[in-house]
Amino acid sequence: MSAPGALRPRRRSLAALLTASGGAVLLGGCGGPSPVPTSAQVARDPLAALDAAHWDARSAEELRALPLQGAAEELETWADLGAEDSAVDTAREQLTGFLGAAYLDPSALRGLSDQDALDHVSSATPEFWRDALHEAWGGGDRTFYALALAEPFRSVGRPAICADWFRTEGDGGPALALGTTIAWTAIDTSTRAVGVLACRLGIVVDLDAQGGLSAGTVRLTLHGLDGCAMGEHEGLLVPALADDDRHRAVQQATREQILDAPRIPLADLLDEDSALFAGDEETFLECE
């Protein structure tokens, strides 16, 4: 189910298919209390258990430095840009700047007013996306354009980032695609419960003759969260960390379905109907 007010992705706009759906499944073997940092059964940092082969970066700088996939010589529209990764340094700088402001550091927006948070994200957003960003923000979709945690939750440490940059083609010209799964360790500071939250991002942008951005689309899904509680916190993120079966099921499903399979193939980035960006009924808890 698409998030309320979400825009369908279309070329030439910041059209985020913001997906968040729920309906938790009760899973066997999860009947104990919510894990705490000192629990002998759970690592202090759940992200430490991730398979390093699938997780490529921990910062915007490391994300930006990842190599491009796809041979430029096999794409006619890339002939003028050439085969060097540096040909799209400008585009990657802009995109990682946007991701850094909006998604990579949930703590950066803590305590900011709604307007100050919008200004923070807008200042790092490519110019051709800003009108759509402001429209969506004013329409109540802030949650999906700037990830910030509600009280008393905090993100811990740096995010884990699984990402692939792809050379591709858009509407008659070169295009750049980025598929990334971003995960954080989250803690409820009132109960010391620890868990994970994650988002999937699919970005496809058209490139100009200098390798800069000219247009693009963004799609996003959120996982490991209590969507019902988020509605009570004006859209701020509420990780599913309560000591009950539904929250434990969301956490387990997020680890198994999102963190254990974080790669996003190019075919899914180019497919507006990809199931990877359609949300699911297990990793996001909706109101009953």
Protein backbone atom coordinates (compact mmCIF):
# COMPACT_ATOMS: atom_id res chain seq x y z
CA MET A 1 0.00 0.00 0.00
CA SER A 2 1.34 3.40 -0.91
CA ALA A 3 1.70 6.02 1.77
CA PRO A 4 -1.11 8.59 1.94
CA GLY A 5 -0.57 11.40 -0.50
CA ALA A 6 2.37 9.72 -2.21
CA LEU A 7 3.08 10.67 -5.80
CA ARG A 8 3.54 8.12 -8.55
CA PRO A 9 7.10 8.22 -9.87
CA ARG A 10 7.40 9.93 -13.20
CA ARG A 11 10.27 11.36 -15.14
CA ARG A 12 11.01 15.05 -14.64
CA SER A 13 9.89 15.35 -11.03
CA LEU A 14 10.76 14.49 -7.45
CA ALA A 15 8.04 11.87 -7.40
CA ALA A 16 8.68 9.63 -4.44
CA LEU A 17 6.72 6.40 -4.36
CA LEU A 18 6.64 6.41 -0.60
CA THR A 19 5.59 3.02 0.50
CA ALA A 20 4.75 1.85 3.95
CA SER A 21 2.42 -1.03 4.62
CA GLY A 22 1.87 -3.39 7.49
CA GLY A 23 -0.07 -6.22 9.05
CA ALA A 24 2.37 -8.06 11.26
CA VAL A 25 2.80 -11.82 11.28
CA LEU A 26 3.34 -13.48 14.64
CA LEU A 27 6.54 -15.49 14.47
CA GLY A 28 7.41 -18.39 16.72
CA GLY A 29 10.39 -18.29 19.02
CA CYS A 30 10.18 -14.58 19.87
CA GLY A 31 8.45 -14.73 23.19
CA GLY A 32 11.19 -13.17 25.33
CA PRO A 33 11.51 -9.55 26.42
CA SER A 34 12.69 -6.86 24.04
CA PRO A 35 16.49 -6.92 23.81
CA VAL A 36 18.50 -4.35 25.71
CA PRO A 37 22.10 -3.29 25.14
CA THR A 38 23.35 -5.56 27.91
CA SER A 39 21.37 -8.60 26.78
CA ALA A 40 23.49 -11.72 26.34
CA GLN A 41 21.21 -12.78 23.46
CA VAL A 42 21.56 -9.72 21.23
CA ALA A 43 24.65 -7.86 20.06
CA ARG A 44 25.03 -4.34 21.46
CA ASP A 45 24.95 -3.16 17.82
CA PRO A 46 22.62 -5.32 15.67
CA LEU A 47 24.31 -3.98 12.53
CA ALA A 48 27.55 -5.65 13.58
CA ALA A 49 26.03 -8.99 12.55
CA LEU A 50 25.43 -7.91 8.94
CA ASP A 51 27.26 -9.71 6.15
CA ALA A 52 30.05 -7.32 5.23
CA ALA A 53 29.99 -8.59 1.64
CA HIS A 54 26.65 -6.83 1.11
CA TRP A 55 27.30 -3.56 2.94
CA ASP A 56 29.55 -1.15 1.11
CA ALA A 57 29.69 2.12 3.04
CA ARG A 58 29.05 3.88 6.34
CA SER A 59 29.02 7.52 5.17
CA ALA A 60 28.06 9.79 2.29
CA GLU A 61 31.73 10.06 1.31
CA GLU A 62 32.15 6.29 1.10
CA LEU A 63 28.87 5.99 -0.82
CA ARG A 64 30.00 8.59 -3.34
CA ALA A 65 33.29 6.76 -3.92
CA LEU A 66 31.76 3.41 -4.92
CA PRO A 67 32.45 2.42 -8.54
CA LEU A 68 29.90 2.67 -11.33
CA GLN A 69 28.50 -0.52 -12.80
CA GLY A 70 27.74 -1.02 -16.47
CA ALA A 71 30.10 -0.49 -19.41
CA ALA A 72 29.90 3.01 -20.91
CA GLU A 73 30.96 1.71 -24.33
CA GLU A 74 27.83 -0.44 -24.46
CA LEU A 75 25.57 2.60 -24.02
CA GLU A 76 25.39 4.89 -27.04
CA THR A 77 24.20 7.87 -25.01
CA TRP A 78 27.34 7.72 -22.84
CA ALA A 79 29.71 8.26 -25.75
CA ASP A 80 30.31 11.95 -24.98
CA LEU A 81 30.65 11.43 -21.23
CA GLY A 82 33.22 8.67 -21.60
CA ALA A 83 34.05 5.64 -19.50
CA GLU A 84 35.66 7.30 -16.47
CA ASP A 85 33.69 7.30 -13.21
CA SER A 86 34.83 10.87 -12.68
CA ALA A 87 32.59 11.98 -15.57
CA VAL A 88 29.63 11.96 -13.18
CA ASP A 89 31.35 13.35 -10.08
CA THR A 90 29.03 16.38 -10.12
CA ALA A 91 25.89 14.26 -10.20
CA ARG A 92 27.10 11.94 -7.46
CA GLU A 93 28.14 14.88 -5.29
CA GLN A 94 24.66 16.34 -5.56
CA LEU A 95 22.89 13.06 -4.88
CA THR A 96 24.97 12.08 -1.88
CA GLY A 97 24.60 15.60 -0.49
CA PHE A 98 20.83 15.18 -0.71
CA LEU A 99 20.94 11.71 0.85
CA GLY A 100 23.18 12.96 3.64
CA ALA A 101 20.76 15.73 4.56
CA ALA A 102 17.55 13.73 4.21
CA TYR A 103 18.31 10.10 5.08
CA LEU A 104 21.78 9.30 6.40
CA ASP A 105 21.65 11.01 9.80
CA PRO A 106 18.30 10.92 11.62
CA SER A 107 19.88 12.80 14.54
CA ALA A 108 20.62 15.88 12.42
CA LEU A 109 16.98 17.00 12.44
CA ARG A 110 16.35 16.35 16.13
CA GLY A 111 14.91 19.38 17.85
CA LEU A 112 14.51 21.44 14.67
CA SER A 113 11.22 23.14 13.93
CA ASP A 114 9.30 21.90 10.92
CA GLN A 115 10.44 24.92 8.90
CA ASP A 116 14.08 24.58 9.95
CA ALA A 117 14.04 20.89 9.06
CA LEU A 118 12.58 21.72 5.65
CA ASP A 119 15.24 24.37 5.08
CA HIS A 120 17.97 21.91 6.05
CA VAL A 121 16.80 19.31 3.52
CA SER A 122 15.86 21.81 0.82
CA SER A 123 19.30 23.42 0.86
CA ALA A 124 20.84 20.07 -0.16
CA THR A 125 18.11 19.11 -2.66
CA PRO A 126 18.85 19.52 -6.38
CA GLU A 127 17.04 22.61 -7.65
CA PHE A 128 14.72 20.81 -10.05
CA TRP A 129 13.32 18.73 -7.15
CA ARG A 130 12.66 21.55 -4.69
CA ASP A 131 9.15 22.57 -5.74
CA ALA A 132 7.92 18.98 -5.47
CA LEU A 133 9.72 18.61 -2.14
CA HIS A 134 7.97 21.66 -0.68
CA GLU A 135 4.60 20.53 -2.04
CA ALA A 136 4.95 17.04 -0.55
CA TRP A 137 6.25 18.41 2.76
CA GLY A 138 3.28 20.72 3.07
CA GLY A 139 0.97 17.82 2.20
CA GLY A 140 2.01 15.85 5.27
CA ASP A 141 4.67 13.60 3.74
CA ARG A 142 7.62 14.95 5.71
CA THR A 143 8.35 11.48 7.11
CA PHE A 144 9.41 10.21 3.73
CA TYR A 145 11.55 13.18 2.73
CA ALA A 146 13.49 13.65 5.95
CA LEU A 147 14.03 10.82 8.39
CA ALA A 148 13.92 12.00 12.00
CA LEU A 149 13.16 9.97 15.11
CA ALA A 150 10.44 10.77 17.62
CA GLU A 151 11.26 10.96 21.31
CA PRO A 152 12.54 8.94 23.16
CA PHE A 153 14.22 7.12 20.25
CA ARG A 154 17.75 7.62 18.98
CA SER A 155 19.86 6.22 16.16
CA VAL A 156 23.16 4.76 17.32
CA GLY A 157 26.41 5.14 15.43
CA ARG A 158 26.72 5.39 11.67
CA PRO A 159 24.33 3.84 9.15
CA ALA A 160 25.11 0.68 7.23
CA ILE A 161 24.77 1.34 3.49
CA CYS A 162 24.37 -1.22 0.73
CA ALA A 163 24.54 0.58 -2.60
CA ASP A 164 25.09 0.18 -6.33
CA TRP A 165 25.59 2.95 -8.89
CA PHE A 166 24.58 2.05 -12.45
CA ARG A 167 25.16 3.64 -15.83
CA THR A 168 21.91 3.48 -17.75
CA GLU A 169 19.86 5.46 -20.26
CA GLY A 170 16.86 7.72 -19.84
CA ASP A 171 14.70 9.59 -22.32
CA GLY A 172 17.18 9.65 -25.16
CA GLY A 173 20.17 10.51 -23.02
CA PRO A 174 22.54 9.15 -20.39
CA ALA A 175 21.16 8.42 -16.95
CA LEU A 176 22.53 7.39 -13.58
CA ALA A 177 20.74 5.00 -11.21
CA LEU A 178 21.36 4.39 -7.51
CA GLY A 179 19.85 1.55 -5.56
CA THR A 180 20.59 1.63 -1.85
CA THR A 181 19.39 0.09 1.38
CA ILE A 182 20.26 2.10 4.48
CA ALA A 183 20.02 0.64 7.98
CA TRP A 184 20.49 2.02 11.48
CA THR A 185 20.63 0.65 14.97
CA ALA A 186 17.86 2.30 17.00
CA ILE A 187 17.38 2.51 20.76
CA ASP A 188 14.45 3.46 22.95
CA THR A 189 16.20 5.54 25.60
CA SER A 190 13.35 5.04 28.07
CA THR A 191 13.39 1.21 28.03
CA ARG A 192 16.86 0.57 26.53
CA ALA A 193 15.26 -1.67 23.89
CA VAL A 194 17.43 -2.01 20.78
CA GLY A 195 16.49 -2.88 17.21
CA VAL A 196 16.89 -1.88 13.59
CA LEU A 197 15.18 0.38 11.11
CA ALA A 198 15.85 0.62 7.40
CA CYS A 199 14.85 2.26 4.15
CA ARG A 200 15.18 1.30 0.52
CA LEU A 201 15.88 4.07 -1.96
CA GLY A 202 15.68 3.89 -5.72
CA ILE A 203 16.95 6.93 -7.62
CA VAL A 204 17.13 7.39 -11.40
CA VAL A 205 18.39 10.72 -12.76
CA ASP A 206 18.95 12.11 -16.24
CA LEU A 207 22.39 13.58 -16.91
CA ASP A 208 23.34 16.67 -18.88
CA ALA A 209 26.29 16.91 -21.26
CA GLN A 210 28.67 17.75 -18.38
CA GLY A 211 27.62 14.81 -16.21
CA GLY A 212 25.41 16.88 -13.92
CA LEU A 213 21.78 16.27 -12.98
CA SER A 214 18.93 17.50 -15.14
CA ALA A 215 15.90 15.57 -13.82
CA GLY A 216 15.05 12.46 -11.85
CA THR A 217 12.83 10.32 -9.67
CA VAL A 218 13.08 8.98 -6.12
CA ARG A 219 11.28 6.01 -4.57
CA LEU A 220 11.41 5.03 -0.92
CA THR A 221 10.16 2.32 1.41
CA LEU A 222 10.47 2.26 5.21
CA HIS A 223 10.95 -0.80 7.42
CA GLY A 224 11.19 -1.75 11.09
CA LEU A 225 8.73 0.94 12.18
CA ASP A 226 5.45 1.36 14.02
CA GLY A 227 3.40 3.30 11.49
CA CYS A 228 0.44 3.71 13.81
CA ALA A 229 2.58 5.41 16.45
CA MET A 230 4.19 7.59 13.79
CA GLY A 231 0.79 9.10 13.10
CA GLU A 232 0.65 10.17 16.74
CA HIS A 233 4.07 11.86 16.47
CA GLU A 234 3.35 14.05 13.43
CA GLY A 235 5.16 11.67 11.13
CA LEU A 236 8.43 11.34 13.04
CA LEU A 237 9.88 7.84 12.97
CA VAL A 238 8.89 5.40 15.71
CA PRO A 239 10.89 2.15 15.59
CA ALA A 240 8.98 -1.00 16.46
CA LEU A 241 10.78 -1.71 19.75
CA ALA A 242 7.96 -2.37 22.20
CA ASP A 243 7.85 -5.57 24.24
CA ASP A 244 5.06 -7.26 22.29
CA ASP A 245 4.72 -9.92 19.60
CA ARG A 246 3.74 -7.53 16.80
CA HIS A 247 6.83 -5.35 17.24
CA ARG A 248 9.11 -8.38 17.54
CA ALA A 249 7.63 -9.76 14.31
CA VAL A 250 8.32 -6.47 12.49
CA GLN A 251 11.92 -6.48 13.71
CA GLN A 252 12.52 -10.07 12.70
CA ALA A 253 10.94 -9.57 9.26
CA THR A 254 13.04 -6.44 8.69
CA ARG A 255 16.23 -8.32 9.44
CA GLU A 256 15.30 -11.32 7.30
CA GLN A 257 13.62 -9.63 4.34
CA ILE A 258 15.45 -6.30 4.10
CA LEU A 259 18.84 -6.52 5.83
CA ASP A 260 19.62 -10.06 4.69
CA ALA A 261 18.77 -9.17 1.06
CA PRO A 262 19.71 -5.49 0.66
CA ARG A 263 20.76 -5.36 -3.02
CA ILE A 264 18.50 -3.54 -5.49
CA PRO A 265 19.06 -4.64 -9.10
CA LEU A 266 19.00 -2.14 -11.96
CA ALA A 267 15.91 -3.81 -13.42
CA ASP A 268 13.95 -2.90 -10.28
CA LEU A 269 15.19 0.69 -10.36
CA LEU A 270 13.90 1.07 -13.91
CA ASP A 271 10.60 -0.74 -13.27
CA GLU A 272 7.99 1.63 -11.84
CA ASP A 273 5.95 -1.39 -10.72
CA SER A 274 8.80 -3.23 -9.00
CA ALA A 275 7.70 -5.22 -5.97
CA LEU A 276 10.79 -4.00 -4.10
CA PHE A 277 9.19 -0.56 -3.89
CA ALA A 278 5.63 -1.71 -3.26
CA GLY A 279 6.01 -2.09 0.51
CA ASP A 280 5.01 -5.21 2.41
CA GLU A 281 2.77 -6.35 5.22
CA GLU A 282 5.43 -7.59 7.61
CA THR A 283 8.17 -4.98 8.09
CA PHE A 284 5.97 -1.92 8.75
CA LEU A 285 3.23 -1.98 11.39
CA GLU A 286 -0.01 -0.28 10.44
CA CYS A 287 -2.92 0.55 12.71
CA GLU A 288 -5.46 -2.24 13.11
